[in-house]
PDB file of all heavy atoms in Angstrom:
ATOM      1  N   LEU A   1      30.112  23.841 -55.079  1.00  0.00           N
ATOM      2  CA  LEU A   1      29.447  22.612 -55.521  1.00  0.00           C
ATOM      3  C   LEU A   1      28.032  22.540 -54.962  1.00  0.00           C
ATOM      4  O   LEU A   1      27.085  22.205 -55.682  1.00  0.00           O
ATOM      5  CB  LEU A   1      30.256  21.382 -55.078  1.00  0.00           C
ATOM      6  CG  LEU A   1      29.651  20.017 -55.438  1.00  0.00           C
ATOM      7  CD1 LEU A   1      29.523  19.849 -56.944  1.00  0.00           C
ATOM      8  CD2 LEU A   1      30.487  18.885 -54.845  1.00  0.00           C
ATOM      9  N   VAL A   2      27.864  22.863 -53.685  1.00  0.00           N
ATOM     10  CA  VAL A   2      26.536  22.837 -53.056  1.00  0.00           C
ATOM     11  C   VAL A   2      25.598  23.833 -53.741  1.00  0.00           C
ATOM     12  O   VAL A   2      24.449  23.520 -54.035  1.00  0.00           O
ATOM     13  CB  VAL A   2      26.666  23.130 -51.539  1.00  0.00           C
ATOM     14  CG1 VAL A   2      25.335  23.528 -50.931  1.00  0.00           C
ATOM     15  CG2 VAL A   2      27.221  21.902 -50.817  1.00  0.00           C
ATOM     16  N   ASN A   3      26.099  25.035 -54.012  1.00  0.00           N
ATOM     17  CA  ASN A   3      25.298  26.051 -54.697  1.00  0.00           C
ATOM     18  C   ASN A   3      24.864  25.559 -56.085  1.00  0.00           C
ATOM     19  O   ASN A   3      23.702  25.680 -56.481  1.00  0.00           O
ATOM     20  CB  ASN A   3      26.109  27.339 -54.810  1.00  0.00           C
ATOM     21  CG  ASN A   3      25.278  28.585 -55.093  1.00  0.00           C
ATOM     22  OD1 ASN A   3      25.666  29.699 -54.751  1.00  0.00           O
ATOM     23  ND2 ASN A   3      24.127  28.423 -55.721  1.00  0.00           N
ATOM     24  N   PHE A   4      25.802  24.966 -56.806  1.00  0.00           N
ATOM     25  CA  PHE A   4      25.521  24.423 -58.141  1.00  0.00           C
ATOM     26  C   PHE A   4      24.484  23.304 -58.070  1.00  0.00           C
ATOM     27  O   PHE A   4      23.509  23.288 -58.835  1.00  0.00           O
ATOM     28  CB  PHE A   4      26.829  23.903 -58.749  1.00  0.00           C
ATOM     29  CG  PHE A   4      26.669  23.100 -60.002  1.00  0.00           C
ATOM     30  CD1 PHE A   4      26.261  23.688 -61.191  1.00  0.00           C
ATOM     31  CD2 PHE A   4      26.929  21.727 -59.999  1.00  0.00           C
ATOM     32  CE1 PHE A   4      26.117  22.934 -62.358  1.00  0.00           C
ATOM     33  CE2 PHE A   4      26.783  20.970 -61.146  1.00  0.00           C
ATOM     34  CZ  PHE A   4      26.381  21.575 -62.333  1.00  0.00           C
ATOM     35  N   LEU A   5      24.662  22.372 -57.145  1.00  0.00           N
ATOM     36  CA  LEU A   5      23.743  21.230 -57.033  1.00  0.00           C
ATOM     37  C   LEU A   5      22.325  21.666 -56.662  1.00  0.00           C
ATOM     38  O   LEU A   5      21.351  21.069 -57.106  1.00  0.00           O
ATOM     39  CB  LEU A   5      24.260  20.233 -55.987  1.00  0.00           C
ATOM     40  CG  LEU A   5      25.478  19.405 -56.372  1.00  0.00           C
ATOM     41  CD1 LEU A   5      25.887  18.500 -55.222  1.00  0.00           C
ATOM     42  CD2 LEU A   5      25.217  18.581 -57.627  1.00  0.00           C
ATOM     43  N   ALA A   6      22.225  22.719 -55.844  1.00  0.00           N
ATOM     44  CA  ALA A   6      20.903  23.199 -55.429  1.00  0.00           C
ATOM     45  C   ALA A   6      20.064  23.606 -56.634  1.00  0.00           C
ATOM     46  O   ALA A   6      18.836  23.459 -56.637  1.00  0.00           O
ATOM     47  CB  ALA A   6      21.051  24.370 -54.461  1.00  0.00           C
ATOM     48  N   PHE A   7      20.747  24.095 -57.683  1.00  0.00           N
ATOM     49  CA  PHE A   7      20.029  24.563 -58.874  1.00  0.00           C
ATOM     50  C   PHE A   7      19.740  23.435 -59.879  1.00  0.00           C
ATOM     51  O   PHE A   7      19.160  23.681 -60.927  1.00  0.00           O
ATOM     52  CB  PHE A   7      20.805  25.690 -59.553  1.00  0.00           C
ATOM     53  CG  PHE A   7      20.528  27.035 -58.946  1.00  0.00           C
ATOM     54  CD1 PHE A   7      21.150  27.427 -57.774  1.00  0.00           C
ATOM     55  CD2 PHE A   7      19.614  27.898 -59.524  1.00  0.00           C
ATOM     56  CE1 PHE A   7      20.893  28.662 -57.193  1.00  0.00           C
ATOM     57  CE2 PHE A   7      19.345  29.136 -58.963  1.00  0.00           C
ATOM     58  CZ  PHE A   7      19.985  29.523 -57.788  1.00  0.00           C
ATOM     59  N   LEU A   8      20.162  22.215 -59.568  1.00  0.00           N
ATOM     60  CA  LEU A   8      19.831  21.080 -60.432  1.00  0.00           C
ATOM     61  C   LEU A   8      18.476  20.526 -60.016  1.00  0.00           C
ATOM     62  O   LEU A   8      18.358  19.592 -59.234  1.00  0.00           O
ATOM     63  CB  LEU A   8      20.910  19.992 -60.340  1.00  0.00           C
ATOM     64  CG  LEU A   8      22.263  20.329 -60.960  1.00  0.00           C
ATOM     65  CD1 LEU A   8      23.223  19.166 -60.820  1.00  0.00           C
ATOM     66  CD2 LEU A   8      22.127  20.716 -62.427  1.00  0.00           C
ATOM     67  N   GLY A   9      17.430  21.158 -60.528  1.00  0.00           N
ATOM     68  CA  GLY A   9      16.080  20.692 -60.239  1.00  0.00           C
ATOM     69  C   GLY A   9      15.272  21.620 -59.359  1.00  0.00           C
ATOM     70  O   GLY A   9      14.073  21.431 -59.187  1.00  0.00           O
ATOM     71  N   TRP A  10      15.924  22.632 -58.784  1.00  0.00           N
ATOM     72  CA  TRP A  10      15.217  23.599 -57.921  1.00  0.00           C
ATOM     73  C   TRP A  10      15.578  25.002 -58.363  1.00  0.00           C
ATOM     74  O   TRP A  10      16.665  25.223 -58.886  1.00  0.00           O
ATOM     75  CB  TRP A  10      15.645  23.394 -56.459  1.00  0.00           C
ATOM     76  CG  TRP A  10      15.183  24.468 -55.507  1.00  0.00           C
ATOM     77  CD1 TRP A  10      13.967  24.540 -54.882  1.00  0.00           C
ATOM     78  CD2 TRP A  10      15.914  25.628 -55.065  1.00  0.00           C
ATOM     79  NE1 TRP A  10      13.907  25.653 -54.082  1.00  0.00           N
ATOM     80  CE2 TRP A  10      15.093  26.355 -54.175  1.00  0.00           C
ATOM     81  CE3 TRP A  10      17.193  26.133 -55.343  1.00  0.00           C
ATOM     82  CZ2 TRP A  10      15.494  27.535 -53.566  1.00  0.00           C
ATOM     83  CZ3 TRP A  10      17.595  27.313 -54.739  1.00  0.00           C
ATOM     84  CH2 TRP A  10      16.753  27.997 -53.865  1.00  0.00           C
ATOM     85  N   ASN A  11      14.650  25.939 -58.192  1.00  0.00           N
ATOM     86  CA  ASN A  11      15.015  27.341 -58.408  1.00  0.00           C
ATOM     87  C   ASN A  11      14.265  28.190 -57.388  1.00  0.00           C
ATOM     88  O   ASN A  11      13.164  27.838 -56.957  1.00  0.00           O
ATOM     89  CB  ASN A  11      14.736  27.792 -59.847  1.00  0.00           C
ATOM     90  CG  ASN A  11      13.251  27.961 -60.113  1.00  0.00           C
ATOM     91  OD1 ASN A  11      12.634  28.936 -59.682  1.00  0.00           O
ATOM     92  ND2 ASN A  11      12.668  26.998 -60.809  1.00  0.00           N
ATOM     93  N   PRO A  12      14.846  29.322 -57.001  1.00  0.00           N
ATOM     94  CA  PRO A  12      14.235  30.142 -55.954  1.00  0.00           C
ATOM     95  C   PRO A  12      13.103  31.035 -56.446  1.00  0.00           C
ATOM     96  O   PRO A  12      12.438  31.686 -55.650  1.00  0.00           O
ATOM     97  CB  PRO A  12      15.418  30.983 -55.463  1.00  0.00           C
ATOM     98  CG  PRO A  12      16.291  31.123 -56.673  1.00  0.00           C
ATOM     99  CD  PRO A  12      16.145  29.846 -57.448  1.00  0.00           C
ATOM    100  N   GLY A  13      12.918  31.074 -57.778  1.00  0.00           N
ATOM    101  CA  GLY A  13      11.869  31.942 -58.317  1.00  0.00           C
ATOM    102  C   GLY A  13      12.324  33.381 -58.476  1.00  0.00           C
ATOM    103  O   GLY A  13      11.529  34.277 -58.739  1.00  0.00           O
ATOM    104  N   THR A  14      13.641  33.630 -58.305  1.00  0.00           N
ATOM    105  CA  THR A  14      14.206  34.977 -58.488  1.00  0.00           C
ATOM    106  C   THR A  14      15.407  34.867 -59.415  1.00  0.00           C
ATOM    107  O   THR A  14      15.761  33.773 -59.864  1.00  0.00           O
ATOM    108  CB  THR A  14      14.672  35.566 -57.140  1.00  0.00           C
ATOM    109  OG1 THR A  14      15.756  34.749 -56.637  1.00  0.00           O
ATOM    110  CG2 THR A  14      13.543  35.588 -56.114  1.00  0.00           C
ATOM    111  N   GLU A  15      16.054  35.994 -59.665  1.00  0.00           N
ATOM    112  CA  GLU A  15      17.246  36.010 -60.528  1.00  0.00           C
ATOM    113  C   GLU A  15      18.519  35.650 -59.760  1.00  0.00           C
ATOM    114  O   GLU A  15      19.566  35.441 -60.352  1.00  0.00           O
ATOM    115  CB  GLU A  15      17.410  37.403 -61.168  1.00  0.00           C
ATOM    116  CG  GLU A  15      16.296  37.786 -62.147  1.00  0.00           C
ATOM    117  CD  GLU A  15      16.191  36.830 -63.319  1.00  0.00           C
ATOM    118  OE1 GLU A  15      17.211  36.571 -63.980  1.00  0.00           O
ATOM    119  OE2 GLU A  15      15.072  36.334 -63.571  1.00  0.00           O
ATOM    120  N   GLN A  16      18.435  35.599 -58.437  1.00  0.00           N
ATOM    121  CA  GLN A  16      19.627  35.327 -57.620  1.00  0.00           C
ATOM    122  C   GLN A  16      20.168  33.928 -57.895  1.00  0.00           C
ATOM    123  O   GLN A  16      19.422  32.966 -57.967  1.00  0.00           O
ATOM    124  CB  GLN A  16      19.273  35.448 -56.126  1.00  0.00           C
ATOM    125  CG  GLN A  16      20.479  35.293 -55.208  1.00  0.00           C
ATOM    126  CD  GLN A  16      20.115  35.438 -53.734  1.00  0.00           C
ATOM    127  OE1 GLN A  16      19.057  35.964 -53.399  1.00  0.00           O
ATOM    128  NE2 GLN A  16      20.990  34.975 -52.852  1.00  0.00           N
ATOM    129  N   GLU A  17      21.500  33.849 -58.072  1.00  0.00           N
ATOM    130  CA  GLU A  17      22.143  32.557 -58.311  1.00  0.00           C
ATOM    131  C   GLU A  17      23.116  32.168 -57.207  1.00  0.00           C
ATOM    132  O   GLU A  17      23.335  30.991 -56.947  1.00  0.00           O
ATOM    133  CB  GLU A  17      22.899  32.577 -59.645  1.00  0.00           C
ATOM    134  CG  GLU A  17      21.994  32.562 -60.858  1.00  0.00           C
ATOM    135  CD  GLU A  17      22.786  32.381 -62.142  1.00  0.00           C
ATOM    136  OE1 GLU A  17      23.413  33.366 -62.592  1.00  0.00           O
ATOM    137  OE2 GLU A  17      22.792  31.265 -62.687  1.00  0.00           O
ATOM    138  N   MET A  18      23.712  33.161 -56.569  1.00  0.00           N
ATOM    139  CA  MET A  18      24.705  32.894 -55.529  1.00  0.00           C
ATOM    140  C   MET A  18      24.012  32.808 -54.173  1.00  0.00           C
ATOM    141  O   MET A  18      23.404  33.772 -53.711  1.00  0.00           O
ATOM    142  CB  MET A  18      25.756  33.997 -55.509  1.00  0.00           C
ATOM    143  CG  MET A  18      26.520  34.149 -56.806  1.00  0.00           C
ATOM    144  SD  MET A  18      27.629  32.759 -57.095  1.00  0.00           S
ATOM    145  CE  MET A  18      28.855  33.041 -55.818  1.00  0.00           C
ATOM    146  N   PHE A  19      24.094  31.634 -53.561  1.00  0.00           N
ATOM    147  CA  PHE A  19      23.465  31.404 -52.268  1.00  0.00           C
ATOM    148  C   PHE A  19      24.448  30.745 -51.304  1.00  0.00           C
ATOM    149  O   PHE A  19      25.072  29.740 -51.650  1.00  0.00           O
ATOM    150  CB  PHE A  19      22.267  30.457 -52.411  1.00  0.00           C
ATOM    151  CG  PHE A  19      21.033  31.068 -53.000  1.00  0.00           C
ATOM    152  CD1 PHE A  19      20.871  31.164 -54.379  1.00  0.00           C
ATOM    153  CD2 PHE A  19      20.016  31.540 -52.183  1.00  0.00           C
ATOM    154  CE1 PHE A  19      19.729  31.720 -54.935  1.00  0.00           C
ATOM    155  CE2 PHE A  19      18.865  32.103 -52.728  1.00  0.00           C
ATOM    156  CZ  PHE A  19      18.716  32.192 -54.097  1.00  0.00           C
ATOM    157  N   SER A  20      24.549  31.292 -50.116  1.00  0.00           N
ATOM    158  CA  SER A  20      25.287  30.587 -49.064  1.00  0.00           C
ATOM    159  C   SER A  20      24.401  29.435 -48.588  1.00  0.00           C
ATOM    160  O   SER A  20      23.206  29.386 -48.901  1.00  0.00           O
ATOM    161  CB  SER A  20      25.577  31.533 -47.896  1.00  0.00           C
ATOM    162  OG  SER A  20      24.346  31.876 -47.249  1.00  0.00           O
ATOM    163  N   LEU A  21      24.960  28.532 -47.804  1.00  0.00           N
ATOM    164  CA  LEU A  21      24.173  27.412 -47.299  1.00  0.00           C
ATOM    165  C   LEU A  21      23.013  27.910 -46.439  1.00  0.00           C
ATOM    166  O   LEU A  21      21.885  27.409 -46.547  1.00  0.00           O
ATOM    167  CB  LEU A  21      25.069  26.464 -46.494  1.00  0.00           C
ATOM    168  CG  LEU A  21      24.450  25.112 -46.104  1.00  0.00           C
ATOM    169  CD1 LEU A  21      24.005  24.321 -47.321  1.00  0.00           C
ATOM    170  CD2 LEU A  21      25.438  24.290 -45.284  1.00  0.00           C
ATOM    171  N   ASP A  22      23.268  28.923 -45.612  1.00  0.00           N
ATOM    172  CA  ASP A  22      22.198  29.484 -44.768  1.00  0.00           C
ATOM    173  C   ASP A  22      21.088  30.096 -45.614  1.00  0.00           C
ATOM    174  O   ASP A  22      19.896  29.963 -45.287  1.00  0.00           O
ATOM    175  CB  ASP A  22      22.765  30.542 -43.811  1.00  0.00           C
ATOM    176  CG  ASP A  22      23.568  29.918 -42.674  1.00  0.00           C
ATOM    177  OD1 ASP A  22      23.387  28.703 -42.426  1.00  0.00           O
ATOM    178  OD2 ASP A  22      24.380  30.623 -42.049  1.00  0.00           O
ATOM    179  N   GLU A  23      21.474  30.748 -46.707  1.00  0.00           N
ATOM    180  CA  GLU A  23      20.463  31.334 -47.604  1.00  0.00           C
ATOM    181  C   GLU A  23      19.658  30.244 -48.305  1.00  0.00           C
ATOM    182  O   GLU A  23      18.442  30.372 -48.495  1.00  0.00           O
ATOM    183  CB  GLU A  23      21.142  32.236 -48.638  1.00  0.00           C
ATOM    184  CG  GLU A  23      21.651  33.542 -48.069  1.00  0.00           C
ATOM    185  CD  GLU A  23      22.482  34.332 -49.073  1.00  0.00           C
ATOM    186  OE1 GLU A  23      23.200  33.723 -49.889  1.00  0.00           O
ATOM    187  OE2 GLU A  23      22.416  35.569 -49.027  1.00  0.00           O
ATOM    188  N   LEU A  24      20.336  29.157 -48.695  1.00  0.00           N
ATOM    189  CA  LEU A  24      19.624  28.037 -49.323  1.00  0.00           C
ATOM    190  C   LEU A  24      18.604  27.442 -48.356  1.00  0.00           C
ATOM    191  O   LEU A  24      17.474  27.135 -48.747  1.00  0.00           O
ATOM    192  CB  LEU A  24      20.612  26.953 -49.763  1.00  0.00           C
ATOM    193  CG  LEU A  24      21.434  27.233 -51.020  1.00  0.00           C
ATOM    194  CD1 LEU A  24      22.488  26.153 -51.218  1.00  0.00           C
ATOM    195  CD2 LEU A  24      20.548  27.340 -52.256  1.00  0.00           C
ATOM    196  N   ILE A  25      19.004  27.289 -47.099  1.00  0.00           N
ATOM    197  CA  ILE A  25      18.078  26.751 -46.087  1.00  0.00           C
ATOM    198  C   ILE A  25      16.855  27.652 -45.974  1.00  0.00           C
ATOM    199  O   ILE A  25      15.716  27.183 -45.945  1.00  0.00           O
ATOM    200  CB  ILE A  25      18.797  26.612 -44.724  1.00  0.00           C
ATOM    201  CG1 ILE A  25      19.833  25.484 -44.777  1.00  0.00           C
ATOM    202  CG2 ILE A  25      17.804  26.366 -43.593  1.00  0.00           C
ATOM    203  CD1 ILE A  25      20.822  25.470 -43.611  1.00  0.00           C
ATOM    204  N   GLN A  26      17.104  28.936 -45.946  1.00  0.00           N
ATOM    205  CA  GLN A  26      16.019  29.901 -45.792  1.00  0.00           C
ATOM    206  C   GLN A  26      15.061  29.883 -46.987  1.00  0.00           C
ATOM    207  O   GLN A  26      13.838  29.964 -46.829  1.00  0.00           O
ATOM    208  CB  GLN A  26      16.623  31.302 -45.631  1.00  0.00           C
ATOM    209  CG  GLN A  26      15.637  32.360 -45.171  1.00  0.00           C
ATOM    210  CD  GLN A  26      16.332  33.703 -44.979  1.00  0.00           C
ATOM    211  OE1 GLN A  26      17.513  33.764 -44.647  1.00  0.00           O
ATOM    212  NE2 GLN A  26      15.618  34.780 -45.202  1.00  0.00           N
ATOM    213  N   GLU A  27      15.609  29.753 -48.199  1.00  0.00           N
ATOM    214  CA  GLU A  27      14.796  29.853 -49.416  1.00  0.00           C
ATOM    215  C   GLU A  27      14.224  28.517 -49.893  1.00  0.00           C
ATOM    216  O   GLU A  27      13.271  28.492 -50.675  1.00  0.00           O
ATOM    217  CB  GLU A  27      15.633  30.459 -50.552  1.00  0.00           C
ATOM    218  CG  GLU A  27      16.058  31.895 -50.336  1.00  0.00           C
ATOM    219  CD  GLU A  27      14.876  32.850 -50.264  1.00  0.00           C
ATOM    220  OE1 GLU A  27      13.871  32.621 -50.984  1.00  0.00           O
ATOM    221  OE2 GLU A  27      14.937  33.807 -49.484  1.00  0.00           O
ATOM    222  N   PHE A  28      14.794  27.413 -49.451  1.00  0.00           N
ATOM    223  CA  PHE A  28      14.438  26.107 -50.025  1.00  0.00           C
ATOM    224  C   PHE A  28      12.970  25.758 -49.792  1.00  0.00           C
ATOM    225  O   PHE A  28      12.441  25.939 -48.700  1.00  0.00           O
ATOM    226  CB  PHE A  28      15.321  25.011 -49.449  1.00  0.00           C
ATOM    227  CG  PHE A  28      15.144  23.684 -50.138  1.00  0.00           C
ATOM    228  CD1 PHE A  28      15.650  23.485 -51.416  1.00  0.00           C
ATOM    229  CD2 PHE A  28      14.446  22.655 -49.535  1.00  0.00           C
ATOM    230  CE1 PHE A  28      15.477  22.278 -52.074  1.00  0.00           C
ATOM    231  CE2 PHE A  28      14.265  21.440 -50.176  1.00  0.00           C
ATOM    232  CZ  PHE A  28      14.784  21.250 -51.453  1.00  0.00           C
ATOM    233  N   ASP A  29      12.357  25.246 -50.843  1.00  0.00           N
ATOM    234  CA  ASP A  29      10.944  24.871 -50.788  1.00  0.00           C
ATOM    235  C   ASP A  29      10.728  23.703 -51.751  1.00  0.00           C
ATOM    236  O   ASP A  29      11.069  23.798 -52.929  1.00  0.00           O
ATOM    237  CB  ASP A  29      10.090  26.074 -51.213  1.00  0.00           C
ATOM    238  CG  ASP A  29       8.598  25.827 -51.045  1.00  0.00           C
ATOM    239  OD1 ASP A  29       8.207  24.667 -50.799  1.00  0.00           O
ATOM    240  OD2 ASP A  29       7.822  26.787 -51.175  1.00  0.00           O
ATOM    241  N   LEU A  30      10.182  22.602 -51.246  1.00  0.00           N
ATOM    242  CA  LEU A  30       9.944  21.428 -52.107  1.00  0.00           C
ATOM    243  C   LEU A  30       8.989  21.752 -53.253  1.00  0.00           C
ATOM    244  O   LEU A  30       9.054  21.133 -54.311  1.00  0.00           O
ATOM    245  CB  LEU A  30       9.368  20.274 -51.268  1.00  0.00           C
ATOM    246  CG  LEU A  30      10.323  19.619 -50.255  1.00  0.00           C
ATOM    247  CD1 LEU A  30       9.572  18.609 -49.399  1.00  0.00           C
ATOM    248  CD2 LEU A  30      11.497  18.947 -50.949  1.00  0.00           C
ATOM    249  N   GLU A  31       8.114  22.721 -53.040  1.00  0.00           N
ATOM    250  CA  GLU A  31       7.132  23.090 -54.078  1.00  0.00           C
ATOM    251  C   GLU A  31       7.815  23.706 -55.306  1.00  0.00           C
ATOM    252  O   GLU A  31       7.226  23.758 -56.378  1.00  0.00           O
ATOM    253  CB  GLU A  31       6.113  24.101 -53.515  1.00  0.00           C
ATOM    254  CG  GLU A  31       5.399  23.644 -52.252  1.00  0.00           C
ATOM    255  CD  GLU A  31       4.232  22.718 -52.509  1.00  0.00           C
ATOM    256  OE1 GLU A  31       3.887  22.565 -53.687  1.00  0.00           O
ATOM    257  OE2 GLU A  31       3.703  22.136 -51.549  1.00  0.00           O
ATOM    258  N   ARG A  32       9.054  24.170 -55.139  1.00  0.00           N
ATOM    259  CA  ARG A  32       9.750  24.820 -56.247  1.00  0.00           C
ATOM    260  C   ARG A  32      10.722  23.869 -56.970  1.00  0.00           C
ATOM    261  O   ARG A  32      11.584  24.309 -57.725  1.00  0.00           O
ATOM    262  CB  ARG A  32      10.494  26.062 -55.754  1.00  0.00           C
ATOM    263  CG  ARG A  32       9.576  27.140 -55.187  1.00  0.00           C
ATOM    264  CD  ARG A  32      10.220  28.505 -55.254  1.00  0.00           C
ATOM    265  NE  ARG A  32      10.349  28.938 -56.642  1.00  0.00           N
ATOM    266  CZ  ARG A  32       9.388  29.554 -57.332  1.00  0.00           C
ATOM    267  NH1 ARG A  32       8.223  29.804 -56.771  1.00  0.00           N
ATOM    268  NH2 ARG A  32       9.589  29.910 -58.590  1.00  0.00           N
ATOM    269  N   ILE A  33      10.572  22.575 -56.716  1.00  0.00           N
ATOM    270  CA  ILE A  33      11.383  21.584 -57.437  1.00  0.00           C
ATOM    271  C   ILE A  33      10.676  21.255 -58.748  1.00  0.00           C
ATOM    272  O   ILE A  33       9.459  21.066 -58.783  1.00  0.00           O
ATOM    273  CB  ILE A  33      11.576  20.308 -56.585  1.00  0.00           C
ATOM    274  CG1 ILE A  33      12.433  20.638 -55.351  1.00  0.00           C
ATOM    275  CG2 ILE A  33      12.241  19.205 -57.399  1.00  0.00           C
ATOM    276  CD1 ILE A  33      12.570  19.508 -54.367  1.00  0.00           C
ATOM    277  N   ASN A  34      11.447  21.199 -59.832  1.00  0.00           N
ATOM    278  CA  ASN A  34      10.874  20.931 -61.157  1.00  0.00           C
ATOM    279  C   ASN A  34      10.674  19.431 -61.373  1.00  0.00           C
ATOM    280  O   ASN A  34      11.395  18.611 -60.810  1.00  0.00           O
ATOM    281  CB  ASN A  34      11.816  21.447 -62.254  1.00  0.00           C
ATOM    282  CG  ASN A  34      12.175  22.903 -62.049  1.00  0.00           C
ATOM    283  OD1 ASN A  34      11.320  23.713 -61.735  1.00  0.00           O
ATOM    284  ND2 ASN A  34      13.449  23.236 -62.201  1.00  0.00           N
ATOM    285  N   LYS A  35       9.718  19.107 -62.235  1.00  0.00           N
ATOM    286  CA  LYS A  35       9.514  17.699 -62.614  1.00  0.00           C
ATOM    287  C   LYS A  35      10.551  17.273 -63.652  1.00  0.00           C
ATOM    288  O   LYS A  35      11.020  16.141 -63.654  1.00  0.00           O
ATOM    289  CB  LYS A  35       8.117  17.510 -63.245  1.00  0.00           C
ATOM    290  CG  LYS A  35       6.967  17.624 -62.286  1.00  0.00           C
ATOM    291  CD  LYS A  35       5.670  17.372 -63.053  1.00  0.00           C
ATOM    292  CE  LYS A  35       4.476  17.863 -62.265  1.00  0.00           C
ATOM    293  NZ  LYS A  35       3.234  17.724 -63.032  1.00  0.00           N
ATOM    294  N   ALA A  36      10.875  18.191 -64.552  1.00  0.00           N
ATOM    295  CA  ALA A  36      11.763  17.852 -65.673  1.00  0.00           C
ATOM    296  C   ALA A  36      13.183  17.599 -65.192  1.00  0.00           C
ATOM    297  O   ALA A  36      13.641  18.185 -64.206  1.00  0.00           O
ATOM    298  CB  ALA A  36      11.760  18.985 -66.689  1.00  0.00           C
TER     299      ALA A  36
END
């Protein structure tokens, strides 16, 4: 659920879809949140 929710409005800029929580923390960036 956390992995799914992370992709609702944010993307890492890569093809990777499966992220552990630690990986999400490492990759997360407010600049990569979409307006739409």
